[in-house]
N, C-alpha and C. Protein backbone atom coordinates (compact mmCIF):
# COMPACT_ATOMS: atom_id res chain seq x y z
N UNK A 1 16.26 -26.22 3.05
CA UNK A 1 16.46 -26.88 4.32
C UNK A 1 17.53 -27.95 4.15
N UNK A 2 18.40 -28.04 5.13
CA UNK A 2 19.44 -29.07 5.07
C UNK A 2 19.00 -30.30 5.89
N UNK A 3 19.81 -31.35 5.85
CA UNK A 3 19.46 -32.60 6.53
C UNK A 3 19.27 -32.42 8.03
N UNK A 4 20.07 -31.57 8.63
CA UNK A 4 19.96 -31.33 10.08
C UNK A 4 18.63 -30.69 10.42
N UNK A 5 18.23 -29.72 9.62
CA UNK A 5 16.96 -29.04 9.87
C UNK A 5 15.78 -29.98 9.62
N UNK A 6 15.86 -30.80 8.59
CA UNK A 6 14.80 -31.78 8.33
C UNK A 6 14.66 -32.74 9.50
N UNK A 7 15.77 -33.19 10.04
CA UNK A 7 15.76 -34.12 11.19
C UNK A 7 15.15 -33.45 12.42
N UNK A 8 15.47 -32.19 12.65
CA UNK A 8 14.90 -31.46 13.80
C UNK A 8 13.39 -31.30 13.65
N UNK A 9 12.94 -30.97 12.44
CA UNK A 9 11.50 -30.83 12.20
C UNK A 9 10.79 -32.17 12.38
N UNK A 10 11.38 -33.24 11.88
CA UNK A 10 10.79 -34.56 12.03
C UNK A 10 10.69 -34.95 13.50
N UNK A 11 11.76 -34.72 14.25
CA UNK A 11 11.75 -35.03 15.68
C UNK A 11 10.68 -34.22 16.40
N UNK A 12 10.55 -32.96 16.06
CA UNK A 12 9.55 -32.09 16.68
C UNK A 12 8.14 -32.63 16.41
N UNK A 13 7.84 -32.94 15.14
CA UNK A 13 6.51 -33.44 14.80
C UNK A 13 6.23 -34.79 15.47
N UNK A 14 7.21 -35.66 15.51
CA UNK A 14 7.03 -36.96 16.16
C UNK A 14 6.72 -36.80 17.65
N UNK A 15 7.45 -35.90 18.31
CA UNK A 15 7.21 -35.66 19.74
C UNK A 15 5.85 -34.99 19.96
N UNK A 16 5.54 -34.01 19.16
CA UNK A 16 4.31 -33.25 19.32
C UNK A 16 3.07 -34.11 19.13
N UNK A 17 3.11 -34.99 18.12
CA UNK A 17 1.95 -35.83 17.82
C UNK A 17 2.09 -37.26 18.34
N UNK A 18 3.14 -37.52 19.11
CA UNK A 18 3.39 -38.85 19.69
C UNK A 18 3.24 -39.95 18.64
N UNK A 19 3.95 -39.75 17.50
CA UNK A 19 3.83 -40.70 16.40
C UNK A 19 5.16 -40.82 15.66
N UNK A 20 5.81 -41.98 15.81
CA UNK A 20 7.11 -42.19 15.17
C UNK A 20 6.99 -42.52 13.68
N UNK A 21 5.76 -42.63 13.17
CA UNK A 21 5.56 -42.91 11.75
C UNK A 21 5.61 -41.66 10.89
N UNK A 22 5.76 -40.50 11.50
CA UNK A 22 5.86 -39.25 10.75
C UNK A 22 7.28 -39.11 10.22
N UNK A 23 7.38 -38.74 8.94
CA UNK A 23 8.69 -38.46 8.37
C UNK A 23 8.65 -37.15 7.59
N UNK A 24 9.76 -36.44 7.62
CA UNK A 24 9.92 -35.18 6.88
C UNK A 24 10.98 -35.43 5.82
N UNK A 25 10.60 -35.20 4.56
CA UNK A 25 11.47 -35.53 3.45
C UNK A 25 11.75 -34.30 2.58
N UNK A 26 12.98 -34.21 2.13
CA UNK A 26 13.36 -33.11 1.24
C UNK A 26 12.59 -33.22 -0.07
N UNK A 27 12.36 -32.08 -0.70
CA UNK A 27 11.72 -32.05 -2.02
C UNK A 27 12.79 -31.90 -3.09
N UNK A 28 12.57 -32.56 -4.20
CA UNK A 28 13.52 -32.45 -5.30
C UNK A 28 13.49 -31.02 -5.85
N UNK A 29 14.66 -30.44 -6.00
CA UNK A 29 14.84 -29.11 -6.59
C UNK A 29 14.19 -27.98 -5.80
N UNK A 30 13.79 -28.22 -4.57
CA UNK A 30 13.21 -27.18 -3.72
C UNK A 30 13.97 -27.16 -2.40
N UNK A 31 14.37 -25.98 -1.98
CA UNK A 31 15.09 -25.87 -0.71
C UNK A 31 14.30 -25.07 0.33
N UNK A 32 13.14 -24.54 -0.07
CA UNK A 32 12.36 -23.72 0.85
C UNK A 32 11.18 -24.47 1.47
N UNK A 33 11.11 -25.79 1.22
CA UNK A 33 10.01 -26.57 1.76
C UNK A 33 10.37 -28.05 1.83
N UNK A 34 9.55 -28.79 2.58
CA UNK A 34 9.74 -30.23 2.74
C UNK A 34 8.37 -30.89 2.80
N UNK A 35 8.33 -32.17 2.43
CA UNK A 35 7.09 -32.92 2.48
C UNK A 35 6.98 -33.70 3.79
N UNK A 36 5.76 -33.83 4.28
CA UNK A 36 5.50 -34.57 5.51
C UNK A 36 4.65 -35.79 5.18
N UNK A 37 5.07 -36.93 5.70
CA UNK A 37 4.39 -38.20 5.45
C UNK A 37 4.02 -38.86 6.77
N UNK A 38 2.91 -39.60 6.73
CA UNK A 38 2.52 -40.48 7.82
C UNK A 38 2.59 -41.87 7.24
N UNK A 39 3.64 -42.60 7.59
CA UNK A 39 3.93 -43.85 6.90
C UNK A 39 4.34 -43.50 5.49
N UNK A 40 3.65 -44.05 4.50
CA UNK A 40 3.93 -43.73 3.10
C UNK A 40 2.91 -42.77 2.50
N UNK A 41 1.98 -42.28 3.35
CA UNK A 41 0.95 -41.37 2.86
C UNK A 41 1.37 -39.91 3.06
N UNK A 42 1.38 -39.16 1.97
CA UNK A 42 1.69 -37.73 2.02
C UNK A 42 0.57 -37.03 2.76
N UNK A 43 0.92 -36.21 3.76
CA UNK A 43 -0.12 -35.51 4.52
C UNK A 43 0.03 -33.99 4.50
N UNK A 44 1.17 -33.48 4.07
CA UNK A 44 1.29 -32.03 4.06
C UNK A 44 2.67 -31.55 3.67
N UNK A 45 2.85 -30.25 3.81
CA UNK A 45 4.10 -29.62 3.42
C UNK A 45 4.51 -28.60 4.48
N UNK A 46 5.81 -28.47 4.67
CA UNK A 46 6.36 -27.45 5.57
C UNK A 46 7.11 -26.44 4.72
N UNK A 47 6.76 -25.16 4.88
CA UNK A 47 7.44 -24.08 4.18
C UNK A 47 8.28 -23.29 5.17
N UNK A 48 9.44 -22.83 4.72
CA UNK A 48 10.31 -21.97 5.52
C UNK A 48 9.87 -20.53 5.34
N UNK A 49 9.84 -19.78 6.42
CA UNK A 49 9.54 -18.35 6.38
C UNK A 49 10.71 -17.61 7.01
N UNK A 50 11.43 -16.87 6.18
CA UNK A 50 12.61 -16.13 6.65
C UNK A 50 12.37 -14.62 6.74
N UNK A 51 11.13 -14.20 6.74
CA UNK A 51 10.82 -12.77 6.77
C UNK A 51 11.26 -12.12 8.08
N UNK A 52 11.64 -10.88 7.96
CA UNK A 52 12.00 -10.05 9.12
C UNK A 52 13.15 -10.62 9.94
N UNK A 53 14.00 -11.44 9.34
CA UNK A 53 15.17 -11.97 10.04
C UNK A 53 14.89 -13.10 11.00
N UNK A 54 13.62 -13.48 11.16
CA UNK A 54 13.25 -14.60 12.04
C UNK A 54 12.91 -15.79 11.17
N UNK A 55 13.47 -16.95 11.49
CA UNK A 55 13.20 -18.16 10.72
C UNK A 55 12.10 -18.95 11.43
N UNK A 56 11.05 -19.26 10.68
CA UNK A 56 9.97 -20.07 11.22
C UNK A 56 9.51 -21.04 10.14
N UNK A 57 8.63 -21.94 10.52
CA UNK A 57 8.17 -22.99 9.62
C UNK A 57 6.66 -23.06 9.68
N UNK A 58 6.03 -23.17 8.52
CA UNK A 58 4.58 -23.26 8.44
C UNK A 58 4.20 -24.63 7.88
N UNK A 59 3.40 -25.38 8.63
CA UNK A 59 2.95 -26.70 8.21
C UNK A 59 1.53 -26.56 7.65
N UNK A 60 1.33 -27.01 6.42
CA UNK A 60 0.03 -26.95 5.77
C UNK A 60 -0.43 -28.37 5.45
N UNK A 61 -1.67 -28.66 5.85
CA UNK A 61 -2.24 -29.98 5.59
C UNK A 61 -3.65 -29.78 5.06
N UNK A 62 -3.90 -30.26 3.85
CA UNK A 62 -5.24 -30.18 3.27
C UNK A 62 -6.07 -31.37 3.74
N UNK A 63 -7.32 -31.11 4.06
CA UNK A 63 -8.24 -32.17 4.47
C UNK A 63 -9.43 -32.12 3.51
N UNK A 64 -9.59 -33.17 2.73
CA UNK A 64 -10.68 -33.24 1.77
C UNK A 64 -11.98 -33.65 2.48
N UNK A 65 -13.11 -33.21 1.95
CA UNK A 65 -14.38 -33.57 2.57
C UNK A 65 -14.62 -35.08 2.56
N UNK A 66 -14.09 -35.78 1.55
CA UNK A 66 -14.25 -37.25 1.51
C UNK A 66 -13.43 -37.93 2.62
N UNK A 67 -12.37 -37.25 3.10
CA UNK A 67 -11.58 -37.79 4.20
C UNK A 67 -12.35 -37.76 5.51
N UNK A 68 -13.33 -36.89 5.61
CA UNK A 68 -14.12 -36.76 6.84
C UNK A 68 -15.19 -37.83 6.96
N UNK A 69 -15.49 -38.46 5.86
CA UNK A 69 -16.48 -39.55 5.88
C UNK A 69 -15.80 -40.85 6.28
N UNK A 70 -16.30 -41.51 7.23
CA UNK A 70 -15.69 -42.78 7.55
C UNK A 70 -15.50 -43.00 8.95
């Protein structure tokens, strides 16, 4: 992913979740994915899917059972 694509993904997530604290950051030595942060807390990863000639993005966020307590 290039800087333009990262910016578009960040803008999309910010608009979708109404939260300007979301940031999408490039990964070192990886071009097929990016990290997603809420403030300084890592919350997930976006992977690029180029199968069948269509480009799409998959956002994965793990939720631990201890995160549900509170």
